[in-house]
Amino acid sequence: MSALWIAHVTVTDPEPYAKYAELAGPAIAAHGGVFIARGARFVQLEGKERPRNVVARFPTLEAAVECYNSDAYQEALTHAKGASERELMVVEVSE
């Protein structure tokens, strides 16, 4: 079953966060991830609103978790830490 990587983000320092985005995209693609939504319009119906929302589809939940734990993604993540407030989850898709 495929899985969705869902991130809700408030960018607090745009310059280092831009470096994160530059590095994260290739790391995600290397694990079969494909972006479905990045920073598109949204309507917050419940919970804490974050101005940036990202959804990527992965072939499996395991592939998404492997991506997160990969050296390439962890390198990218060093630029997001301290430059953003974020929640990230992976959800298996019922197909």
PDB file of N, CA and C in Angstrom:
ATOM      1  N   MET A   1       0.837  -1.190   0.000  1.00  0.00           N
ATOM      2  CA  MET A   1       0.000   0.000   0.000  1.00  0.00           C
ATOM      3  C   MET A   1       0.875   1.244   0.000  1.00  0.00           C
ATOM      4  N   SER A   2       0.448   2.243  -0.749  1.00  0.00           N
ATOM      5  CA  SER A   2       1.189   3.495  -0.768  1.00  0.00           C
ATOM      6  C   SER A   2       0.958   4.249   0.547  1.00  0.00           C
ATOM      7  N   ALA A   3       1.732   5.315   0.721  1.00  0.00           N
ATOM      8  CA  ALA A   3       1.639   6.105   1.944  1.00  0.00           C
ATOM      9  C   ALA A   3       1.803   7.577   1.608  1.00  0.00           C
ATOM     10  N   LEU A   4       1.212   8.418   2.439  1.00  0.00           N
ATOM     11  CA  LEU A   4       1.330   9.859   2.290  1.00  0.00           C
ATOM     12  C   LEU A   4       2.203  10.427   3.401  1.00  0.00           C
ATOM     13  N   TRP A   5       3.134  11.248   3.004  1.00  0.00           N
ATOM     14  CA  TRP A   5       4.003  12.004   3.913  1.00  0.00           C
ATOM     15  C   TRP A   5       3.345  13.368   4.003  1.00  0.00           C
ATOM     16  N   ILE A   6       2.896  13.756   5.186  1.00  0.00           N
ATOM     17  CA  ILE A   6       2.139  14.991   5.357  1.00  0.00           C
ATOM     18  C   ILE A   6       2.880  15.885   6.342  1.00  0.00           C
ATOM     19  N   ALA A   7       3.251  17.071   5.863  1.00  0.00           N
ATOM     20  CA  ALA A   7       3.977  18.029   6.705  1.00  0.00           C
ATOM     21  C   ALA A   7       3.175  19.315   6.804  1.00  0.00           C
ATOM     22  N   HIS A   8       3.104  19.853   8.000  1.00  0.00           N
ATOM     23  CA  HIS A   8       2.496  21.151   8.264  1.00  0.00           C
ATOM     24  C   HIS A   8       3.612  22.022   8.818  1.00  0.00           C
ATOM     25  N   VAL A   9       3.871  23.164   8.170  1.00  0.00           N
ATOM     26  CA  VAL A   9       5.090  23.918   8.455  1.00  0.00           C
ATOM     27  C   VAL A   9       4.810  25.410   8.595  1.00  0.00           C
ATOM     28  N   THR A  10       5.468  26.017   9.573  1.00  0.00           N
ATOM     29  CA  THR A  10       5.597  27.466   9.653  1.00  0.00           C
ATOM     30  C   THR A  10       7.077  27.766   9.501  1.00  0.00           C
ATOM     31  N   VAL A  11       7.444  28.459   8.440  1.00  0.00           N
ATOM     32  CA  VAL A  11       8.836  28.816   8.199  1.00  0.00           C
ATOM     33  C   VAL A  11       9.148  30.058   9.031  1.00  0.00           C
ATOM     34  N   THR A  12      10.191  29.963   9.859  1.00  0.00           N
ATOM     35  CA  THR A  12      10.577  31.081  10.712  1.00  0.00           C
ATOM     36  C   THR A  12      11.851  31.768  10.231  1.00  0.00           C
ATOM     37  N   ASP A  13      12.608  31.107   9.358  1.00  0.00           N
ATOM     38  CA  ASP A  13      13.836  31.680   8.792  1.00  0.00           C
ATOM     39  C   ASP A  13      13.951  31.191   7.351  1.00  0.00           C
ATOM     40  N   PRO A  14      13.517  32.019   6.399  1.00  0.00           N
ATOM     41  CA  PRO A  14      13.397  31.562   5.009  1.00  0.00           C
ATOM     42  C   PRO A  14      14.701  31.112   4.337  1.00  0.00           C
ATOM     43  N   GLU A  15      15.814  31.739   4.637  1.00  0.00           N
ATOM     44  CA  GLU A  15      17.050  31.389   3.928  1.00  0.00           C
ATOM     45  C   GLU A  15      17.509  29.954   4.197  1.00  0.00           C
ATOM     46  N   PRO A  16      17.690  29.545   5.456  1.00  0.00           N
ATOM     47  CA  PRO A  16      18.073  28.150   5.663  1.00  0.00           C
ATOM     48  C   PRO A  16      16.964  27.169   5.268  1.00  0.00           C
ATOM     49  N   TYR A  17      15.708  27.589   5.378  1.00  0.00           N
ATOM     50  CA  TYR A  17      14.629  26.687   4.986  1.00  0.00           C
ATOM     51  C   TYR A  17      14.654  26.442   3.484  1.00  0.00           C
ATOM     52  N   ALA A  18      15.047  27.448   2.721  1.00  0.00           N
ATOM     53  CA  ALA A  18      15.168  27.271   1.268  1.00  0.00           C
ATOM     54  C   ALA A  18      16.230  26.216   0.953  1.00  0.00           C
ATOM     55  N   LYS A  19      17.300  26.193   1.720  1.00  0.00           N
ATOM     56  CA  LYS A  19      18.343  25.169   1.532  1.00  0.00           C
ATOM     57  C   LYS A  19      17.774  23.793   1.861  1.00  0.00           C
ATOM     58  N   TYR A  20      16.971  23.702   2.918  1.00  0.00           N
ATOM     59  CA  TYR A  20      16.300  22.446   3.246  1.00  0.00           C
ATOM     60  C   TYR A  20      15.475  21.970   2.051  1.00  0.00           C
ATOM     61  N   ALA A  21      14.652  22.853   1.500  1.00  0.00           N
ATOM     62  CA  ALA A  21      13.774  22.474   0.387  1.00  0.00           C
ATOM     63  C   ALA A  21      14.584  22.021  -0.822  1.00  0.00           C
ATOM     64  N   GLU A  22      15.687  22.690  -1.079  1.00  0.00           N
ATOM     65  CA  GLU A  22      16.557  22.335  -2.205  1.00  0.00           C
ATOM     66  C   GLU A  22      17.110  20.921  -2.059  1.00  0.00           C
ATOM     67  N   LEU A  23      17.470  20.535  -0.842  1.00  0.00           N
ATOM     68  CA  LEU A  23      18.050  19.214  -0.590  1.00  0.00           C
ATOM     69  C   LEU A  23      16.994  18.137  -0.358  1.00  0.00           C
ATOM     70  N   ALA A  24      15.869  18.507   0.222  1.00  0.00           N
ATOM     71  CA  ALA A  24      14.841  17.519   0.574  1.00  0.00           C
ATOM     72  C   ALA A  24      14.172  16.930  -0.662  1.00  0.00           C
ATOM     73  N   GLY A  25      13.921  17.743  -1.669  1.00  0.00           N
ATOM     74  CA  GLY A  25      13.247  17.260  -2.876  1.00  0.00           C
ATOM     75  C   GLY A  25      13.939  16.061  -3.505  1.00  0.00           C
ATOM     76  N   PRO A  26      15.240  16.154  -3.791  1.00  0.00           N
ATOM     77  CA  PRO A  26      15.938  14.996  -4.359  1.00  0.00           C
ATOM     78  C   PRO A  26      15.969  13.784  -3.424  1.00  0.00           C
ATOM     79  N   ALA A  27      16.072  14.011  -2.114  1.00  0.00           N
ATOM     80  CA  ALA A  27      16.069  12.892  -1.163  1.00  0.00           C
ATOM     81  C   ALA A  27      14.727  12.175  -1.196  1.00  0.00           C
ATOM     82  N   ILE A  28      13.660  12.927  -1.283  1.00  0.00           N
ATOM     83  CA  ILE A  28      12.317  12.345  -1.347  1.00  0.00           C
ATOM     84  C   ILE A  28      12.143  11.578  -2.653  1.00  0.00           C
ATOM     85  N   ALA A  29      12.554  12.175  -3.766  1.00  0.00           N
ATOM     86  CA  ALA A  29      12.441  11.510  -5.067  1.00  0.00           C
ATOM     87  C   ALA A  29      13.251  10.219  -5.119  1.00  0.00           C
ATOM     88  N   ALA A  30      14.413  10.216  -4.470  1.00  0.00           N
ATOM     89  CA  ALA A  30      15.276   9.029  -4.466  1.00  0.00           C
ATOM     90  C   ALA A  30      14.615   7.834  -3.789  1.00  0.00           C
ATOM     91  N   HIS A  31      13.616   8.079  -2.957  1.00  0.00           N
ATOM     92  CA  HIS A  31      12.900   7.008  -2.269  1.00  0.00           C
ATOM     93  C   HIS A  31      11.516   6.763  -2.872  1.00  0.00           C
ATOM     94  N   GLY A  32      11.314   7.266  -4.078  1.00  0.00           N
ATOM     95  CA  GLY A  32      10.044   7.039  -4.765  1.00  0.00           C
ATOM     96  C   GLY A  32       8.959   8.027  -4.414  1.00  0.00           C
ATOM     97  N   GLY A  33       9.299   9.086  -3.675  1.00  0.00           N
ATOM     98  CA  GLY A  33       8.306  10.077  -3.289  1.00  0.00           C
ATOM     99  C   GLY A  33       7.974  11.023  -4.428  1.00  0.00           C
ATOM    100  N   VAL A  34       6.700  11.354  -4.546  1.00  0.00           N
ATOM    101  CA  VAL A  34       6.207  12.280  -5.552  1.00  0.00           C
ATOM    102  C   VAL A  34       5.338  13.313  -4.844  1.00  0.00           C
ATOM    103  N   PHE A  35       5.629  14.584  -5.054  1.00  0.00           N
ATOM    104  CA  PHE A  35       4.835  15.627  -4.410  1.00  0.00           C
ATOM    105  C   PHE A  35       3.441  15.704  -5.022  1.00  0.00           C
ATOM    106  N   ILE A  36       2.449  15.765  -4.148  1.00  0.00           N
ATOM    107  CA  ILE A  36       1.053  15.936  -4.556  1.00  0.00           C
ATOM    108  C   ILE A  36       0.630  17.382  -4.313  1.00  0.00           C
ATOM    109  N   ALA A  37       1.091  17.955  -3.205  1.00  0.00           N
ATOM    110  CA  ALA A  37       0.768  19.344  -2.862  1.00  0.00           C
ATOM    111  C   ALA A  37       1.949  19.960  -2.133  1.00  0.00           C
ATOM    112  N   ARG A  38       2.286  21.181  -2.508  1.00  0.00           N
ATOM    113  CA  ARG A  38       3.349  21.931  -1.825  1.00  0.00           C
ATOM    114  C   ARG A  38       2.942  23.390  -1.764  1.00  0.00           C
ATOM    115  N   GLY A  39       2.579  23.834  -0.585  1.00  0.00           N
ATOM    116  CA  GLY A  39       2.270  25.239  -0.391  1.00  0.00           C
ATOM    117  C   GLY A  39       1.039  25.728  -1.148  1.00  0.00           C
ATOM    118  N   ALA A  40       0.156  24.830  -1.526  1.00  0.00           N
ATOM    119  CA  ALA A  40      -1.045  25.216  -2.272  1.00  0.00           C
ATOM    120  C   ALA A  40      -2.085  25.836  -1.340  1.00  0.00           C
ATOM    121  N   ARG A  41      -3.131  26.370  -1.938  1.00  0.00           N
ATOM    122  CA  ARG A  41      -4.239  26.922  -1.149  1.00  0.00           C
ATOM    123  C   ARG A  41      -4.826  25.844  -0.250  1.00  0.00           C
ATOM    124  N   PHE A  42      -5.311  26.255   0.898  1.00  0.00           N
ATOM    125  CA  PHE A  42      -5.936  25.321   1.832  1.00  0.00           C
ATOM    126  C   PHE A  42      -6.941  26.052   2.682  1.00  0.00           C
ATOM    127  N   VAL A  43      -7.791  25.285   3.332  1.00  0.00           N
ATOM    128  CA  VAL A  43      -8.743  25.820   4.301  1.00  0.00           C
ATOM    129  C   VAL A  43      -8.535  25.042   5.586  1.00  0.00           C
ATOM    130  N   GLN A  44      -8.183  25.725   6.658  1.00  0.00           N
ATOM    131  CA  GLN A  44      -7.978  25.088   7.953  1.00  0.00           C
ATOM    132  C   GLN A  44      -9.331  24.966   8.645  1.00  0.00           C
ATOM    133  N   LEU A  45      -9.781  23.748   8.863  1.00  0.00           N
ATOM    134  CA  LEU A  45     -11.082  23.539   9.484  1.00  0.00           C
ATOM    135  C   LEU A  45     -10.981  23.279  10.985  1.00  0.00           C
ATOM    136  N   GLU A  46      -9.906  22.653  11.419  1.00  0.00           N
ATOM    137  CA  GLU A  46      -9.698  22.379  12.846  1.00  0.00           C
ATOM    138  C   GLU A  46      -8.210  22.394  13.127  1.00  0.00           C
ATOM    139  N   GLY A  47      -7.864  22.577  14.405  1.00  0.00           N
ATOM    140  CA  GLY A  47      -6.474  22.482  14.824  1.00  0.00           C
ATOM    141  C   GLY A  47      -5.651  23.706  14.477  1.00  0.00           C
ATOM    142  N   LYS A  48      -4.350  23.578  14.737  1.00  0.00           N
ATOM    143  CA  LYS A  48      -3.415  24.681  14.529  1.00  0.00           C
ATOM    144  C   LYS A  48      -3.125  24.871  13.048  1.00  0.00           C
ATOM    145  N   GLU A  49      -3.268  26.090  12.583  1.00  0.00           N
ATOM    146  CA  GLU A  49      -2.990  26.400  11.183  1.00  0.00           C
ATOM    147  C   GLU A  49      -1.502  26.624  10.966  1.00  0.00           C
ATOM    148  N   ARG A  50      -0.971  26.028   9.930  1.00  0.00           N
ATOM    149  CA  ARG A  50       0.398  26.259   9.479  1.00  0.00           C
ATOM    150  C   ARG A  50       0.299  26.775   8.049  1.00  0.00           C
ATOM    151  N   PRO A  51       1.038  27.803   7.688  1.00  0.00           N
ATOM    152  CA  PRO A  51       0.881  28.388   6.359  1.00  0.00           C
ATOM    153  C   PRO A  51       1.424  27.539   5.204  1.00  0.00           C
ATOM    154  N   ARG A  52       2.267  26.553   5.495  1.00  0.00           N
ATOM    155  CA  ARG A  52       2.814  25.703   4.425  1.00  0.00           C
ATOM    156  C   ARG A  52       2.439  24.258   4.722  1.00  0.00           C
ATOM    157  N   ASN A  53       1.829  23.617   3.739  1.00  0.00           N
ATOM    158  CA  ASN A  53       1.422  22.221   3.874  1.00  0.00           C
ATOM    159  C   ASN A  53       1.957  21.457   2.678  1.00  0.00           C
ATOM    160  N   VAL A  54       2.565  20.312   2.945  1.00  0.00           N
ATOM    161  CA  VAL A  54       3.207  19.516   1.900  1.00  0.00           C
ATOM    162  C   VAL A  54       2.717  18.074   2.012  1.00  0.00           C
ATOM    163  N   VAL A  55       2.340  17.503   0.874  1.00  0.00           N
ATOM    164  CA  VAL A  55       1.931  16.097   0.821  1.00  0.00           C
ATOM    165  C   VAL A  55       2.722  15.435  -0.292  1.00  0.00           C
ATOM    166  N   ALA A  56       3.358  14.313   0.038  1.00  0.00           N
ATOM    167  CA  ALA A  56       4.071  13.510  -0.961  1.00  0.00           C
ATOM    168  C   ALA A  56       3.584  12.072  -0.847  1.00  0.00           C
ATOM    169  N   ARG A  57       3.462  11.415  -1.989  1.00  0.00           N
ATOM    170  CA  ARG A  57       3.058  10.008  -2.016  1.00  0.00           C
ATOM    171  C   ARG A  57       4.312   9.154  -2.191  1.00  0.00           C
ATOM    172  N   PHE A  58       4.410   8.103  -1.380  1.00  0.00           N
ATOM    173  CA  PHE A  58       5.492   7.129  -1.466  1.00  0.00           C
ATOM    174  C   PHE A  58       4.917   5.765  -1.816  1.00  0.00           C
ATOM    175  N   PRO A  59       5.727   4.883  -2.393  1.00  0.00           N
ATOM    176  CA  PRO A  59       5.224   3.550  -2.753  1.00  0.00           C
ATOM    177  C   PRO A  59       4.730   2.757  -1.546  1.00  0.00           C
ATOM    178  N   THR A  60       5.390   2.938  -0.403  1.00  0.00           N
ATOM    179  CA  THR A  60       5.016   2.228   0.828  1.00  0.00           C
ATOM    180  C   THR A  60       5.302   3.113   2.032  1.00  0.00           C
ATOM    181  N   LEU A  61       4.695   2.773   3.146  1.00  0.00           N
ATOM    182  CA  LEU A  61       4.988   3.455   4.397  1.00  0.00           C
ATOM    183  C   LEU A  61       6.464   3.288   4.746  1.00  0.00           C
ATOM    184  N   GLU A  62       6.985   2.092   4.512  1.00  0.00           N
ATOM    185  CA  GLU A  62       8.391   1.815   4.831  1.00  0.00           C
ATOM    186  C   GLU A  62       9.332   2.687   4.000  1.00  0.00           C
ATOM    187  N   ALA A  63       8.998   2.914   2.722  1.00  0.00           N
ATOM    188  CA  ALA A  63       9.833   3.765   1.872  1.00  0.00           C
ATOM    189  C   ALA A  63       9.862   5.196   2.398  1.00  0.00           C
ATOM    190  N   ALA A  64       8.724   5.686   2.890  1.00  0.00           N
ATOM    191  CA  ALA A  64       8.664   7.036   3.444  1.00  0.00           C
ATOM    192  C   ALA A  64       9.512   7.154   4.702  1.00  0.00           C
ATOM    193  N   VAL A  65       9.436   6.155   5.564  1.00  0.00           N
ATOM    194  CA  VAL A  65      10.231   6.172   6.796  1.00  0.00           C
ATOM    195  C   VAL A  65      11.719   6.023   6.475  1.00  0.00           C
ATOM    196  N   GLU A  66      12.047   5.177   5.506  1.00  0.00           N
ATOM    197  CA  GLU A  66      13.446   5.043   5.076  1.00  0.00           C
ATOM    198  C   GLU A  66      13.965   6.363   4.533  1.00  0.00           C
ATOM    199  N   CYS A  67      13.133   7.080   3.793  1.00  0.00           N
ATOM    200  CA  CYS A  67      13.522   8.394   3.293  1.00  0.00           C
ATOM    201  C   CYS A  67      13.849   9.322   4.450  1.00  0.00           C
ATOM    202  N   TYR A  68      12.953   9.400   5.413  1.00  0.00           N
ATOM    203  CA  TYR A  68      13.167  10.286   6.563  1.00  0.00           C
ATOM    204  C   TYR A  68      14.479   9.960   7.267  1.00  0.00           C
ATOM    205  N   ASN A  69      14.783   8.682   7.418  1.00  0.00           N
ATOM    206  CA  ASN A  69      15.989   8.265   8.134  1.00  0.00           C
ATOM    207  C   ASN A  69      17.246   8.259   7.271  1.00  0.00           C
ATOM    208  N   SER A  70      17.118   8.534   5.978  1.00  0.00           N
ATOM    209  CA  SER A  70      18.273   8.489   5.079  1.00  0.00           C
ATOM    210  C   SER A  70      19.254   9.618   5.385  1.00  0.00           C
ATOM    211  N   ASP A  71      20.507   9.375   5.043  1.00  0.00           N
ATOM    212  CA  ASP A  71      21.542  10.399   5.237  1.00  0.00           C
ATOM    213  C   ASP A  71      21.200  11.673   4.468  1.00  0.00           C
ATOM    214  N   ALA A  72      20.700  11.520   3.239  1.00  0.00           N
ATOM    215  CA  ALA A  72      20.399  12.689   2.408  1.00  0.00           C
ATOM    216  C   ALA A  72      19.296  13.546   3.035  1.00  0.00           C
ATOM    217  N   TYR A  73      18.224  12.901   3.533  1.00  0.00           N
ATOM    218  CA  TYR A  73      17.150  13.680   4.131  1.00  0.00           C
ATOM    219  C   TYR A  73      17.582  14.278   5.461  1.00  0.00           C
ATOM    220  N   GLN A  74      18.322  13.536   6.240  1.00  0.00           N
ATOM    221  CA  GLN A  74      18.788  14.059   7.522  1.00  0.00           C
ATOM    222  C   GLN A  74      19.703  15.271   7.325  1.00  0.00           C
ATOM    223  N   GLU A  75      20.501  15.254   6.257  1.00  0.00           N
ATOM    224  CA  GLU A  75      21.323  16.420   5.922  1.00  0.00           C
ATOM    225  C   GLU A  75      20.429  17.609   5.603  1.00  0.00           C
ATOM    226  N   ALA A  76      19.391  17.388   4.802  1.00  0.00           N
ATOM    227  CA  ALA A  76      18.445  18.455   4.479  1.00  0.00           C
ATOM    228  C   ALA A  76      17.785  18.981   5.750  1.00  0.00           C
ATOM    229  N   LEU A  77      17.412  18.080   6.620  1.00  0.00           N
ATOM    230  CA  LEU A  77      16.698  18.437   7.841  1.00  0.00           C
ATOM    231  C   LEU A  77      17.505  19.349   8.757  1.00  0.00           C
ATOM    232  N   THR A  78      18.826  19.262   8.705  1.00  0.00           N
ATOM    233  CA  THR A  78      19.650  20.156   9.537  1.00  0.00           C
ATOM    234  C   THR A  78      19.373  21.620   9.213  1.00  0.00           C
ATOM    235  N   HIS A  79      18.947  21.903   7.977  1.00  0.00           N
ATOM    236  CA  HIS A  79      18.653  23.283   7.576  1.00  0.00           C
ATOM    237  C   HIS A  79      17.248  23.711   7.993  1.00  0.00           C
ATOM    238  N   ALA A  80      16.348  22.765   8.215  1.00  0.00           N
ATOM    239  CA  ALA A  80      14.976  23.089   8.626  1.00  0.00           C
ATOM    240  C   ALA A  80      14.888  23.305  10.134  1.00  0.00           C
ATOM    241  N   LYS A  81      15.721  22.578  10.869  1.00  0.00           N
ATOM    242  CA  LYS A  81      15.687  22.723  12.333  1.00  0.00           C
ATOM    243  C   LYS A  81      16.156  24.123  12.705  1.00  0.00           C
ATOM    244  N   GLY A  82      15.380  24.787  13.514  1.00  0.00           N
ATOM    245  CA  GLY A  82      15.695  26.159  13.894  1.00  0.00           C
ATOM    246  C   GLY A  82      15.203  27.177  12.872  1.00  0.00           C
ATOM    247  N   ALA A  83      14.765  26.708  11.701  1.00  0.00           N
ATOM    248  CA  ALA A  83      14.266  27.603  10.656  1.00  0.00           C
ATOM    249  C   ALA A  83      12.773  27.387  10.408  1.00  0.00           C
ATOM    250  N   SER A  84      12.182  26.477  11.202  1.00  0.00           N
ATOM    251  CA  SER A  84      10.765  26.176  11.002  1.00  0.00           C
ATOM    252  C   SER A  84      10.188  25.493  12.228  1.00  0.00           C
ATOM    253  N   GLU A  85       8.876  25.567  12.318  1.00  0.00           N
ATOM    254  CA  GLU A  85       8.114  24.780  13.280  1.00  0.00           C
ATOM    255  C   GLU A  85       7.298  23.830  12.420  1.00  0.00           C
ATOM    256  N   ARG A  86       7.342  22.530  12.708  1.00  0.00           N
ATOM    257  CA  ARG A  86       6.715  21.571  11.805  1.00  0.00           C
ATOM    258  C   ARG A  86       6.164  20.363  12.517  1.00  0.00           C
ATOM    259  N   GLU A  87       5.175  19.802  11.902  1.00  0.00           N
ATOM    260  CA  GLU A  87       4.676  18.478  12.253  1.00  0.00           C
ATOM    261  C   GLU A  87       4.801  17.647  10.987  1.00  0.00           C
ATOM    262  N   LEU A  88       5.199  16.394  11.149  1.00  0.00           N
ATOM    263  CA  LEU A  88       5.350  15.506   9.998  1.00  0.00           C
ATOM    264  C   LEU A  88       4.830  14.135  10.384  1.00  0.00           C
ATOM    265  N   MET A  89       4.022  13.560   9.494  1.00  0.00           N
ATOM    266  CA  MET A  89       3.511  12.212   9.734  1.00  0.00           C
ATOM    267  C   MET A  89       3.493  11.454   8.423  1.00  0.00           C
ATOM    268  N   VAL A  90       3.478  10.146   8.530  1.00  0.00           N
ATOM    269  CA  VAL A  90       3.302   9.275   7.365  1.00  0.00           C
ATOM    270  C   VAL A  90       2.054   8.447   7.620  1.00  0.00           C
ATOM    271  N   VAL A  91       1.152   8.415   6.640  1.00  0.00           N
ATOM    272  CA  VAL A  91      -0.112   7.709   6.785  1.00  0.00           C
ATOM    273  C   VAL A  91      -0.252   6.736   5.619  1.00  0.00           C
ATOM    274  N   GLU A  92      -0.518   5.480   5.945  1.00  0.00           N
ATOM    275  CA  GLU A  92      -0.734   4.486   4.899  1.00  0.00           C
ATOM    276  C   GLU A  92      -2.087   4.750   4.231  1.00  0.00           C
ATOM    277  N   VAL A  93      -2.118   4.631   2.915  1.00  0.00           N
ATOM    278  CA  VAL A  93      -3.333   4.873   2.158  1.00  0.00           C
ATOM    279  C   VAL A  93      -4.128   3.575   2.041  1.00  0.00           C
ATOM    280  N   SER A  94      -5.409   3.651   2.350  1.00  0.00           N
ATOM    281  CA  SER A  94      -6.291   2.497   2.174  1.00  0.00           C
ATOM    282  C   SER A  94      -6.694   2.459   0.705  1.00  0.00           C
ATOM    283  N   GLU A  95      -6.278   1.416   0.028  1.00  0.00           N
ATOM    284  CA  GLU A  95      -6.576   1.338  -1.418  1.00  0.00           C
ATOM    285  C   GLU A  95      -7.426   0.147  -1.734  1.00  0.00           C
TER     286      GLU A  95
END
